[in-house]
Protein backbone atom coordinates (compact mmCIF):
# COMPACT_ATOMS: atom_id res chain seq x y z
CA MET A 1 117.48 -7.27 -160.66
CA SER A 2 120.09 -9.76 -161.88
CA ILE A 3 121.33 -9.27 -165.44
CA LYS A 4 123.36 -11.95 -167.18
CA PRO A 5 126.83 -10.72 -168.25
CA GLY A 6 127.26 -10.57 -172.01
CA THR A 7 123.64 -9.54 -172.54
CA MET A 8 121.75 -6.28 -172.95
CA TYR A 9 118.92 -4.65 -171.04
CA TYR A 10 116.74 -1.58 -171.59
CA ASP A 11 117.49 1.27 -169.19
CA LYS A 12 114.25 3.23 -168.70
CA ILE A 13 116.05 6.29 -167.33
CA GLN A 14 118.55 6.57 -170.19
CA GLN A 15 115.93 5.20 -172.62
CA ARG A 16 118.39 2.97 -174.44
CA LEU A 17 119.81 -0.54 -174.44
CA ILE A 18 122.83 -1.12 -172.23
CA TYR A 19 125.36 -3.89 -172.81
CA VAL A 20 126.49 -5.74 -169.65
CA PRO A 21 130.10 -6.85 -170.19
CA LEU A 22 131.35 -10.31 -169.35
CA LYS A 23 133.57 -10.61 -166.27
CA GLY A 24 136.98 -9.18 -167.14
CA GLU A 25 135.72 -7.74 -170.43
CA LYS A 26 136.72 -4.11 -170.90
CA HIS A 27 134.76 -1.70 -173.05
CA THR A 28 137.02 1.22 -173.64
CA GLY A 29 138.29 2.71 -176.81
CA LYS A 30 137.40 1.67 -180.33
CA ILE A 31 136.24 -1.65 -181.70
CA THR A 32 135.08 -2.95 -185.07
CA ALA A 33 132.00 -5.03 -185.71
CA TYR A 34 132.64 -7.25 -188.72
CA ALA A 35 130.64 -9.85 -190.62
CA TRP A 36 131.45 -13.13 -192.31
CA ALA A 37 129.89 -14.39 -195.57
CA SER A 38 127.50 -16.47 -193.44
CA GLY A 39 126.13 -13.27 -191.87
CA LEU A 40 127.73 -13.95 -188.47
CA ILE A 41 128.76 -10.71 -186.73
CA GLU A 42 131.77 -10.60 -184.41
CA PHE A 43 133.76 -7.86 -182.70
CA GLY A 44 137.47 -7.15 -182.49
CA LYS A 45 140.25 -4.62 -182.68
CA VAL A 46 141.37 -6.10 -186.02
CA VAL A 47 139.22 -7.36 -188.90
CA PRO A 48 140.31 -10.91 -189.83
CA ASP A 49 141.03 -11.87 -193.43
CA GLY A 50 137.79 -12.84 -195.14
CA ALA A 51 135.55 -10.70 -192.91
CA VAL A 52 133.92 -7.41 -193.92
CA PRO A 53 133.86 -4.45 -191.49
CA VAL A 54 130.41 -3.16 -190.53
CA ILE A 55 131.36 -0.23 -188.28
CA THR A 56 134.24 0.97 -186.13
CA GLY A 57 133.65 3.22 -183.15
CA ASP A 58 133.20 3.52 -179.41
CA GLU A 59 133.01 -0.05 -178.13
CA SER A 60 129.92 0.35 -175.94
CA ARG A 61 127.99 2.19 -178.65
CA VAL A 62 128.98 -0.25 -181.41
CA ARG A 63 127.97 -3.27 -179.31
CA GLU A 64 124.71 -1.56 -178.34
CA LEU A 65 123.72 -0.74 -181.93
CA ILE A 66 124.64 -4.14 -183.30
CA GLY A 67 122.74 -5.77 -180.42
CA VAL A 68 119.63 -3.76 -181.25
CA TRP A 69 119.61 -4.06 -185.05
CA ALA A 70 121.18 -7.47 -185.74
CA ARG A 71 119.18 -10.65 -185.87
CA HIS A 72 119.62 -12.75 -182.73
CA SER A 73 120.10 -16.48 -183.24
CA ARG A 74 117.41 -18.65 -181.66
CA VAL A 75 119.85 -21.38 -180.73
CA SER A 76 122.90 -19.45 -179.53
CA ASP A 77 124.16 -16.00 -178.57
CA GLN A 78 125.21 -15.29 -182.16
CA LEU A 79 124.31 -12.05 -183.92
CA LEU A 80 123.57 -12.14 -187.65
CA VAL A 81 123.25 -9.55 -190.42
CA PRO A 82 119.55 -9.50 -191.35
CA GLY A 83 119.01 -10.90 -194.85
CA VAL A 84 122.40 -12.54 -195.27
CA PRO A 85 121.81 -16.11 -193.99
CA GLU A 86 118.75 -16.59 -196.20
CA ALA A 87 120.13 -14.78 -199.29
CA PRO A 88 119.98 -17.03 -202.37
CA ASP A 89 123.44 -15.92 -203.54
CA GLN A 90 126.43 -13.84 -202.42
CA HIS A 91 125.30 -10.79 -204.43
CA GLU A 92 122.03 -10.55 -202.49
CA GLY A 93 123.90 -11.30 -199.28
CA MET A 94 126.27 -8.41 -199.99
CA ASP A 95 123.28 -6.13 -200.76
CA ALA A 96 121.83 -7.04 -197.34
CA LEU A 97 125.19 -6.37 -195.67
CA ILE A 98 125.49 -2.96 -197.37
CA LYS A 99 121.95 -2.04 -196.31
CA PHE A 100 122.67 -3.12 -192.72
CA THR A 101 126.02 -1.28 -192.64
CA ASN A 102 124.42 1.93 -193.93
CA HIS A 103 121.66 1.68 -191.33
CA ILE A 104 124.09 1.07 -188.44
CA THR A 105 126.30 3.96 -189.60
CA ARG A 106 123.30 6.33 -189.77
CA GLU A 107 122.19 5.29 -186.27
CA TYR A 108 125.73 5.73 -184.91
CA VAL A 109 126.11 9.21 -186.41
CA GLU A 110 122.60 10.50 -185.65
CA HIS A 111 122.22 9.36 -182.05
């Protein structure tokens, strides 16, 4: 079975999604998933100005959870906060981001 680096697959034995790192990409230590006003989710050790943190934690686990629960773009490899891109205003977009952040945090803590 050939799995494309930078993607995820479901491991039937572990019964969870596994992230396959890109060549040279290391997944050790902590990372933060953060979102932009557009709903775009990115990862990094530092949250850039203008972005809002979603969750910080073990890199593999954070990438796995975001990969499962985020909306996947149909035209690229981008991950989006559900409800943010189509929100009619920033208040509703922020409500969607808060809901998503709370859900991801619960999943991270409980599993």
